[in-house]
C-alpha atoms as a PDB file:
ATOM      1  CA  UNK A   1      96.933 114.294 114.446  1.00  0.00           C
ATOM      2  CA  UNK A   2      96.416 117.715 116.035  1.00  0.00           C
ATOM      3  CA  UNK A   3      94.122 116.138 118.645  1.00  0.00           C
ATOM      4  CA  UNK A   4      96.781 113.520 119.376  1.00  0.00           C
ATOM      5  CA  UNK A   5      99.445 116.178 119.867  1.00  0.00           C
ATOM      6  CA  UNK A   6      97.100 118.218 122.013  1.00  0.00           C
ATOM      7  CA  UNK A   7      96.601 115.254 124.346  1.00  0.00           C
ATOM      8  CA  UNK A   8     100.364 114.711 124.531  1.00  0.00           C
ATOM      9  CA  UNK A   9     101.028 118.326 125.391  1.00  0.00           C
ATOM     10  CA  UNK A  10      98.282 118.415 128.013  1.00  0.00           C
ATOM     11  CA  UNK A  11      99.479 115.164 129.559  1.00  0.00           C
ATOM     12  CA  UNK A  12     102.976 116.625 129.781  1.00  0.00           C
ATOM     13  CA  UNK A  13     101.561 119.958 131.015  1.00  0.00           C
ATOM     14  CA  UNK A  14     103.542 121.795 128.392  1.00  0.00           C
ATOM     15  CA  UNK A  15     102.729 124.743 126.140  1.00  0.00           C
ATOM     16  CA  UNK A  16      99.623 124.266 123.991  1.00  0.00           C
ATOM     17  CA  UNK A  17     100.626 124.871 120.371  1.00  0.00           C
ATOM     18  CA  UNK A  18      97.448 123.448 118.850  1.00  0.00           C
ATOM     19  CA  UNK A  19      96.510 126.826 117.384  1.00  0.00           C
ATOM     20  CA  UNK A  20      99.562 126.573 115.124  1.00  0.00           C
ATOM     21  CA  UNK A  21     100.176 124.417 112.076  1.00  0.00           C
ATOM     22  CA  UNK A  22     101.747 121.030 112.681  1.00  0.00           C
ATOM     23  CA  UNK A  23     105.154 122.085 111.343  1.00  0.00           C
ATOM     24  CA  UNK A  24     105.062 125.230 113.466  1.00  0.00           C
ATOM     25  CA  UNK A  25     104.166 123.114 116.508  1.00  0.00           C
ATOM     26  CA  UNK A  26     107.107 120.876 115.727  1.00  0.00           C
ATOM     27  CA  UNK A  27     109.422 123.844 115.216  1.00  0.00           C
ATOM     28  CA  UNK A  28     108.402 125.339 118.560  1.00  0.00           C
ATOM     29  CA  UNK A  29     108.856 122.036 120.373  1.00  0.00           C
ATOM     30  CA  UNK A  30     112.282 121.250 118.847  1.00  0.00           C
ATOM     31  CA  UNK A  31     113.464 124.793 119.490  1.00  0.00           C
ATOM     32  CA  UNK A  32     112.467 124.505 123.148  1.00  0.00           C
ATOM     33  CA  UNK A  33     114.037 121.035 123.369  1.00  0.00           C
ATOM     34  CA  UNK A  34     117.386 122.358 122.123  1.00  0.00           C
ATOM     35  CA  UNK A  35     117.374 124.986 124.858  1.00  0.00           C
ATOM     36  CA  UNK A  36     115.691 123.266 127.800  1.00  0.00           C
ATOM     37  CA  UNK A  37     116.045 119.581 126.963  1.00  0.00           C
ATOM     38  CA  UNK A  38     113.650 117.024 125.548  1.00  0.00           C
ATOM     39  CA  UNK A  39     110.018 117.968 126.140  1.00  0.00           C
ATOM     40  CA  UNK A  40     108.147 114.651 126.230  1.00  0.00           C
ATOM     41  CA  UNK A  41     108.552 111.478 128.245  1.00  0.00           C
ATOM     42  CA  UNK A  42     109.211 108.895 125.547  1.00  0.00           C
ATOM     43  CA  UNK A  43     107.854 105.457 126.337  1.00  0.00           C
ATOM     44  CA  UNK A  44     107.200 102.095 124.704  1.00  0.00           C
ATOM     45  CA  UNK A  45     104.427 101.212 127.137  1.00  0.00           C
ATOM     46  CA  UNK A  46     101.640 101.490 124.548  1.00  0.00           C
ATOM     47  CA  UNK A  47     103.346  98.994 122.233  1.00  0.00           C
ATOM     48  CA  UNK A  48     103.756  96.629 125.186  1.00  0.00           C
ATOM     49  CA  UNK A  49     100.003  96.847 125.847  1.00  0.00           C
ATOM     50  CA  UNK A  50      99.360  96.119 122.173  1.00  0.00           C
ATOM     51  CA  UNK A  51     101.654  93.090 122.127  1.00  0.00           C
ATOM     52  CA  UNK A  52     100.388  91.663 125.426  1.00  0.00           C
ATOM     53  CA  UNK A  53      97.040  91.133 123.716  1.00  0.00           C
ATOM     54  CA  UNK A  54      98.766  88.767 121.259  1.00  0.00           C
ATOM     55  CA  UNK A  55     101.175  86.889 123.535  1.00  0.00           C
ATOM     56  CA  UNK A  56     102.105  83.420 122.271  1.00  0.00           C
ATOM     57  CA  UNK A  57     100.292  84.028 119.009  1.00  0.00           C
ATOM     58  CA  UNK A  58     101.043  85.527 115.619  1.00  0.00           C
ATOM     59  CA  UNK A  59      99.935  88.996 114.581  1.00  0.00           C
ATOM     60  CA  UNK A  60     100.353  90.855 111.310  1.00  0.00           C
ATOM     61  CA  UNK A  61     102.444  94.009 111.456  1.00  0.00           C
ATOM     62  CA  UNK A  62     104.238  96.556 109.358  1.00  0.00           C
ATOM     63  CA  UNK A  63     107.649  96.920 110.980  1.00  0.00           C
ATOM     64  CA  UNK A  64     109.611 100.105 110.286  1.00  0.00           C
ATOM     65  CA  UNK A  65     113.186 100.977 111.229  1.00  0.00           C
ATOM     66  CA  UNK A  66     114.341 104.604 111.256  1.00  0.00           C
ATOM     67  CA  UNK A  67     117.930 105.447 112.076  1.00  0.00           C
ATOM     68  CA  UNK A  68     120.398 108.299 111.740  1.00  0.00           C
ATOM     69  CA  UNK A  69     123.102 108.057 109.090  1.00  0.00           C
ATOM     70  CA  UNK A  70     126.745 108.296 110.153  1.00  0.00           C
ATOM     71  CA  UNK A  71     125.813 108.437 113.824  1.00  0.00           C
ATOM     72  CA  UNK A  72     129.075 106.779 114.875  1.00  0.00           C
ATOM     73  CA  UNK A  73     131.100 109.555 113.241  1.00  0.00           C
ATOM     74  CA  UNK A  74     128.928 112.181 114.923  1.00  0.00           C
ATOM     75  CA  UNK A  75     129.273 110.511 118.307  1.00  0.00           C
ATOM     76  CA  UNK A  76     133.058 110.715 117.954  1.00  0.00           C
ATOM     77  CA  UNK A  77     133.119 114.351 116.849  1.00  0.00           C
ATOM     78  CA  UNK A  78     130.536 115.816 119.241  1.00  0.00           C
ATOM     79  CA  UNK A  79     130.559 116.184 123.029  1.00  0.00           C
ATOM     80  CA  UNK A  80     128.454 113.430 124.575  1.00  0.00           C
ATOM     81  CA  UNK A  81     125.802 115.852 125.803  1.00  0.00           C
ATOM     82  CA  UNK A  82     125.334 117.406 122.351  1.00  0.00           C
ATOM     83  CA  UNK A  83     125.141 114.047 120.610  1.00  0.00           C
ATOM     84  CA  UNK A  84     122.628 112.799 123.177  1.00  0.00           C
ATOM     85  CA  UNK A  85     120.455 115.886 122.649  1.00  0.00           C
ATOM     86  CA  UNK A  86     120.585 115.402 118.883  1.00  0.00           C
ATOM     87  CA  UNK A  87     119.444 111.786 119.193  1.00  0.00           C
ATOM     88  CA  UNK A  88     116.764 112.691 121.753  1.00  0.00           C
ATOM     89  CA  UNK A  89     115.263 115.385 119.505  1.00  0.00           C
ATOM     90  CA  UNK A  90     115.252 112.965 116.578  1.00  0.00           C
ATOM     91  CA  UNK A  91     113.571 110.211 118.635  1.00  0.00           C
ATOM     92  CA  UNK A  92     111.027 112.624 120.088  1.00  0.00           C
ATOM     93  CA  UNK A  93     109.840 113.876 116.703  1.00  0.00           C
ATOM     94  CA  UNK A  94     109.815 110.422 115.107  1.00  0.00           C
ATOM     95  CA  UNK A  95     107.718 109.152 118.013  1.00  0.00           C
ATOM     96  CA  UNK A  96     105.140 111.906 117.628  1.00  0.00           C
ATOM     97  CA  UNK A  97     104.914 111.389 113.863  1.00  0.00           C
ATOM     98  CA  UNK A  98     104.448 107.651 114.398  1.00  0.00           C
ATOM     99  CA  UNK A  99     101.651 108.211 116.903  1.00  0.00           C
ATOM    100  CA  UNK A 100      99.881 110.507 114.456  1.00  0.00           C
ATOM    101  CA  UNK A 101      99.766 107.748 111.832  1.00  0.00           C
ATOM    102  CA  UNK A 102      98.495 104.997 114.107  1.00  0.00           C
ATOM    103  CA  UNK A 103     101.860 103.412 114.855  1.00  0.00           C
ATOM    104  CA  UNK A 104     103.561 102.310 118.063  1.00  0.00           C
ATOM    105  CA  UNK A 105     107.181 102.757 119.089  1.00  0.00           C
ATOM    106  CA  UNK A 106     108.442  99.261 119.807  1.00  0.00           C
ATOM    107  CA  UNK A 107     112.031 100.065 120.796  1.00  0.00           C
ATOM    108  CA  UNK A 108     114.602 102.823 121.008  1.00  0.00           C
ATOM    109  CA  UNK A 109     118.003 101.375 120.138  1.00  0.00           C
ATOM    110  CA  UNK A 110     120.761 103.957 120.209  1.00  0.00           C
ATOM    111  CA  UNK A 111     120.137 106.207 117.220  1.00  0.00           C
ATOM    112  CA  UNK A 112     117.339 103.992 115.840  1.00  0.00           C
ATOM    113  CA  UNK A 113     113.588 103.890 116.436  1.00  0.00           C
ATOM    114  CA  UNK A 114     111.743 100.640 115.699  1.00  0.00           C
ATOM    115  CA  UNK A 115     108.055 101.103 114.941  1.00  0.00           C
ATOM    116  CA  UNK A 116     105.042  98.797 114.600  1.00  0.00           C
ATOM    117  CA  UNK A 117     101.867  99.461 112.614  1.00  0.00           C
ATOM    118  CA  UNK A 118      99.157  96.904 113.487  1.00  0.00           C
ATOM    119  CA  UNK A 119      97.808  95.259 110.325  1.00  0.00           C
ATOM    120  CA  UNK A 120      95.481  92.635 111.745  1.00  0.00           C
ATOM    121  CA  UNK A 121      92.302  94.450 110.671  1.00  0.00           C
ATOM    122  CA  UNK A 122      93.423  96.322 107.542  1.00  0.00           C
ATOM    123  CA  UNK A 123      96.772  95.520 105.949  1.00  0.00           C
ATOM    124  CA  UNK A 124      96.336  98.096 103.171  1.00  0.00           C
ATOM    125  CA  UNK A 125      95.724 100.901 105.653  1.00  0.00           C
ATOM    126  CA  UNK A 126      98.691  99.840 107.779  1.00  0.00           C
ATOM    127  CA  UNK A 127     101.012  99.873 104.749  1.00  0.00           C
ATOM    128  CA  UNK A 128      99.742 103.239 103.547  1.00  0.00           C
ATOM    129  CA  UNK A 129     100.023 104.767 107.028  1.00  0.00           C
ATOM    130  CA  UNK A 130     103.605 103.558 107.366  1.00  0.00           C
ATOM    131  CA  UNK A 131     104.530 105.102 104.005  1.00  0.00           C
ATOM    132  CA  UNK A 132     102.818 108.393 104.855  1.00  0.00           C
ATOM    133  CA  UNK A 133     104.620 108.419 108.191  1.00  0.00           C
ATOM    134  CA  UNK A 134     107.981 107.898 106.486  1.00  0.00           C
ATOM    135  CA  UNK A 135     107.434 110.918 104.253  1.00  0.00           C
ATOM    136  CA  UNK A 136     106.299 113.015 107.222  1.00  0.00           C
ATOM    137  CA  UNK A 137     109.496 112.103 109.088  1.00  0.00           C
ATOM    138  CA  UNK A 138     111.636 113.183 106.139  1.00  0.00           C
ATOM    139  CA  UNK A 139     109.711 116.447 105.849  1.00  0.00           C
ATOM    140  CA  UNK A 140     110.111 117.218 109.544  1.00  0.00           C
ATOM    141  CA  UNK A 141     113.857 116.564 109.391  1.00  0.00           C
ATOM    142  CA  UNK A 142     114.310 118.699 106.262  1.00  0.00           C
ATOM    143  CA  UNK A 143     112.085 121.629 107.181  1.00  0.00           C
ATOM    144  CA  UNK A 144     112.334 121.754 110.971  1.00  0.00           C
ATOM    145  CA  UNK A 145     115.036 119.683 112.635  1.00  0.00           C
ATOM    146  CA  UNK A 146     117.985 120.430 110.348  1.00  0.00           C
ATOM    147  CA  UNK A 147     117.453 124.216 110.161  1.00  0.00           C
ATOM    148  CA  UNK A 148     117.255 124.343 113.961  1.00  0.00           C
ATOM    149  CA  UNK A 149     120.253 122.048 114.391  1.00  0.00           C
ATOM    150  CA  UNK A 150     122.219 124.352 112.116  1.00  0.00           C
ATOM    151  CA  UNK A 151     121.166 127.389 114.149  1.00  0.00           C
ATOM    152  CA  UNK A 152     122.389 125.658 117.320  1.00  0.00           C
ATOM    153  CA  UNK A 153     125.664 124.572 115.651  1.00  0.00           C
ATOM    154  CA  UNK A 154     124.727 120.911 115.553  1.00  0.00           C
ATOM    155  CA  UNK A 155     125.314 118.815 112.421  1.00  0.00           C
ATOM    156  CA  UNK A 156     122.404 118.301 110.083  1.00  0.00           C
ATOM    157  CA  UNK A 157     121.197 114.716 109.893  1.00  0.00           C
ATOM    158  CA  UNK A 158     119.991 112.299 107.264  1.00  0.00           C
ATOM    159  CA  UNK A 159     118.091 109.130 108.034  1.00  0.00           C
ATOM    160  CA  UNK A 160     117.456 105.709 106.563  1.00  0.00           C
ATOM    161  CA  UNK A 161     114.008 104.117 106.598  1.00  0.00           C
ATOM    162  CA  UNK A 162     113.183 100.474 105.933  1.00  0.00           C
ATOM    163  CA  UNK A 163     109.931  98.598 106.394  1.00  0.00           C
ATOM    164  CA  UNK A 164     108.391  95.179 105.889  1.00  0.00           C
ATOM    165  CA  UNK A 165     105.006  93.524 106.263  1.00  0.00           C
ATOM    166  CA  UNK A 166     104.418  90.109 107.765  1.00  0.00           C
ATOM    167  CA  UNK A 167     103.422  88.161 110.820  1.00  0.00           C
ATOM    168  CA  UNK A 168     105.365  88.193 114.061  1.00  0.00           C
ATOM    169  CA  UNK A 169     105.194  85.746 116.938  1.00  0.00           C
ATOM    170  CA  UNK A 170     104.777  87.636 120.204  1.00  0.00           C
ATOM    171  CA  UNK A 171     106.791  85.977 122.966  1.00  0.00           C
ATOM    172  CA  UNK A 172     107.103  86.796 126.687  1.00  0.00           C
ATOM    173  CA  UNK A 173     110.379  86.353 128.562  1.00  0.00           C
ATOM    174  CA  UNK A 174     108.850  85.321 131.849  1.00  0.00           C
ATOM    175  CA  UNK A 175     105.610  83.966 133.321  1.00  0.00           C
ATOM    176  CA  UNK A 176     104.213  87.303 134.542  1.00  0.00           C
ATOM    177  CA  UNK A 177     102.824  89.127 131.528  1.00  0.00           C
ATOM    178  CA  UNK A 178     102.731  92.467 133.310  1.00  0.00           C
ATOM    179  CA  UNK A 179     106.410  92.321 134.234  1.00  0.00           C
ATOM    180  CA  UNK A 180     107.964  90.078 131.590  1.00  0.00           C
ATOM    181  CA  UNK A 181     109.853  91.524 128.657  1.00  0.00           C
ATOM    182  CA  UNK A 182     107.723  91.149 125.516  1.00  0.00           C
ATOM    183  CA  UNK A 183     109.434  90.660 122.172  1.00  0.00           C
ATOM    184  CA  UNK A 184     108.525  89.685 118.636  1.00  0.00           C
ATOM    185  CA  UNK A 185     110.127  86.986 116.520  1.00  0.00           C
ATOM    186  CA  UNK A 186     109.810  86.446 112.794  1.00  0.00           C
ATOM    187  CA  UNK A 187     111.337  87.022 109.405  1.00  0.00           C
ATOM    188  CA  UNK A 188     109.571  90.359 108.969  1.00  0.00           C
ATOM    189  CA  UNK A 189     111.443  92.222 111.700  1.00  0.00           C
ATOM    190  CA  UNK A 190     114.701  90.513 110.721  1.00  0.00           C
ATOM    191  CA  UNK A 191     114.287  91.580 107.100  1.00  0.00           C
ATOM    192  CA  UNK A 192     113.429  95.144 108.102  1.00  0.00           C
ATOM    193  CA  UNK A 193     116.788  95.387 109.858  1.00  0.00           C
ATOM    194  CA  UNK A 194     118.536  94.032 106.760  1.00  0.00           C
ATOM    195  CA  UNK A 195     116.679  96.414 104.444  1.00  0.00           C
ATOM    196  CA  UNK A 196     117.638  99.499 106.408  1.00  0.00           C
ATOM    197  CA  UNK A 197     121.287  98.475 106.214  1.00  0.00           C
ATOM    198  CA  UNK A 198     121.252  98.962 102.430  1.00  0.00           C
ATOM    199  CA  UNK A 199     119.241 102.206 102.402  1.00  0.00           C
ATOM    200  CA  UNK A 200     120.883 105.419 101.248  1.00  0.00           C
ATOM    201  CA  UNK A 201     120.524 108.748 103.103  1.00  0.00           C
ATOM    202  CA  UNK A 202     116.871 109.853 103.227  1.00  0.00           C
ATOM    203  CA  UNK A 203     115.796 106.823 101.219  1.00  0.00           C
ATOM    204  CA  UNK A 204     112.655 104.826 102.046  1.00  0.00           C
ATOM    205  CA  UNK A 205     112.918 101.123 101.211  1.00  0.00           C
ATOM    206  CA  UNK A 206     110.070  98.622 101.478  1.00  0.00           C
ATOM    207  CA  UNK A 207     109.911  94.867 101.298  1.00  0.00           C
ATOM    208  CA  UNK A 208     108.097  92.940  98.586  1.00  0.00           C
ATOM    209  CA  UNK A 209     104.990  92.232 100.665  1.00  0.00           C
ATOM    210  CA  UNK A 210     104.177  95.925 101.083  1.00  0.00           C
ATOM    211  CA  UNK A 211     104.624  96.457  97.357  1.00  0.00           C
ATOM    212  CA  UNK A 212     102.427  93.461  96.519  1.00  0.00           C
ATOM    213  CA  UNK A 213      99.676  94.469  98.956  1.00  0.00           C
ATOM    214  CA  UNK A 214      99.410  97.965  97.524  1.00  0.00           C
ATOM    215  CA  UNK A 215      99.739  96.767  93.938  1.00  0.00           C
ATOM    216  CA  UNK A 216      96.919  94.241  94.332  1.00  0.00           C
ATOM    217  CA  UNK A 217      94.696  96.872  95.961  1.00  0.00           C
ATOM    218  CA  UNK A 218      95.373  99.423  93.219  1.00  0.00           C
ATOM    219  CA  UNK A 219      96.491 101.794  95.966  1.00  0.00           C
ATOM    220  CA  UNK A 220      99.750 102.888  94.352  1.00  0.00           C
ATOM    221  CA  UNK A 221      98.446 105.288  91.685  1.00  0.00           C
ATOM    222  CA  UNK A 222      99.817 108.238  93.684  1.00  0.00           C
ATOM    223  CA  UNK A 223     103.102 106.572  94.535  1.00  0.00           C
ATOM    224  CA  UNK A 224     106.103 105.260  92.696  1.00  0.00           C
ATOM    225  CA  UNK A 225     108.094 102.141  93.542  1.00  0.00           C
ATOM    226  CA  UNK A 226     111.463 101.437  91.979  1.00  0.00           C
ATOM    227  CA  UNK A 227     112.934  97.981  92.414  1.00  0.00           C
ATOM    228  CA  UNK A 228     116.407  98.007  93.937  1.00  0.00           C
ATOM    229  CA  UNK A 229     119.170  96.078  92.194  1.00  0.00           C
ATOM    230  CA  UNK A 230     120.584  93.859  94.910  1.00  0.00           C
ATOM    231  CA  UNK A 231     124.030  92.292  94.945  1.00  0.00           C
ATOM    232  CA  UNK A 232     123.391  88.504  94.997  1.00  0.00           C
ATOM    233  CA  UNK A 233     126.751  87.931  96.686  1.00  0.00           C
ATOM    234  CA  UNK A 234     125.609  89.991  99.678  1.00  0.00           C
ATOM    235  CA  UNK A 235     121.817  89.739  99.607  1.00  0.00           C
ATOM    236  CA  UNK A 236     120.904  86.079 100.079  1.00  0.00           C
ATOM    237  CA  UNK A 237     117.357  86.263 101.442  1.00  0.00           C
ATOM    238  CA  UNK A 238     114.751  84.214  99.616  1.00  0.00           C
ATOM    239  CA  UNK A 239     111.440  85.598  98.421  1.00  0.00           C
ATOM    240  CA  UNK A 240     108.337  84.409 100.258  1.00  0.00           C
ATOM    241  CA  UNK A 241     106.287  84.395  97.050  1.00  0.00           C
ATOM    242  CA  UNK A 242     109.014  82.867  94.878  1.00  0.00           C
ATOM    243  CA  UNK A 243     111.229  80.477  96.875  1.00  0.00           C
ATOM    244  CA  UNK A 244     113.651  80.238  93.961  1.00  0.00           C
ATOM    245  CA  UNK A 245     114.098  83.995  93.723  1.00  0.00           C
ATOM    246  CA  UNK A 246     115.578  86.656  95.992  1.00  0.00           C
ATOM    247  CA  UNK A 247     113.465  88.721  98.329  1.00  0.00           C
ATOM    248  CA  UNK A 248     112.732  91.961  96.484  1.00  0.00           C
ATOM    249  CA  UNK A 249     113.171  95.468  97.836  1.00  0.00           C
ATOM    250  CA  UNK A 250     111.688  98.663  96.422  1.00  0.00           C
ATOM    251  CA  UNK A 251     112.381 102.359  96.877  1.00  0.00           C
ATOM    252  CA  UNK A 252     109.269 104.353  97.690  1.00  0.00           C
ATOM    253  CA  UNK A 253     108.831 107.845  96.279  1.00  0.00           C
ATOM    254  CA  UNK A 254     105.889 110.136  95.591  1.00  0.00           C
ATOM    255  CA  UNK A 255     104.903 111.071  92.044  1.00  0.00           C
END
């Protein structure tokens, strides 16, 4: 990840912090962002390049949503410029963490970042990378972003993270692939948006496919998944593996 960050910093012609630890690099960057404004040019161009290679076909992805809790309340209590800076710093650091774990930022939507982890070649690796990325994001917020926000008299933030695994149909909105808007359609991204809506502050929730993939691969010996009790009057999504049962959601924690 250090090499990735080094390339970002050099491309942006900004200070080279690669002789520092990753958290110290992050602390230096966020501190500078809070004084001088966001430091990197955030873009979704790389995810567009990825998806253009799969236009009009299905591709397997881990889809992750990350958003800020109680952002509406903050937007009403903060000056617009301060709230915008808060969201920009959050999006900047999430984007860098995602890049370091092999992910792609698909969209920025207000206070949310939607992320894709390609799983066409190795679904186990994609699931594990997404989980590692989620924990890195929480660590960065706890140890770097919130202390600096507090120093600059900005409210501390909590986030919600939800992710699913499944195929997505890549569709263009136009006949010129270089110019057309590229989107993805499928139950996986729809379920990820539903999962994040039930997540608690700083909670990581995953869909049943991620749990099943890691369970079958015996890759969960260092992790802990707790099944979430879902209200059947509100959660009406059917399981893919058991059409007569509800789609299951699990909280991810580290042992």
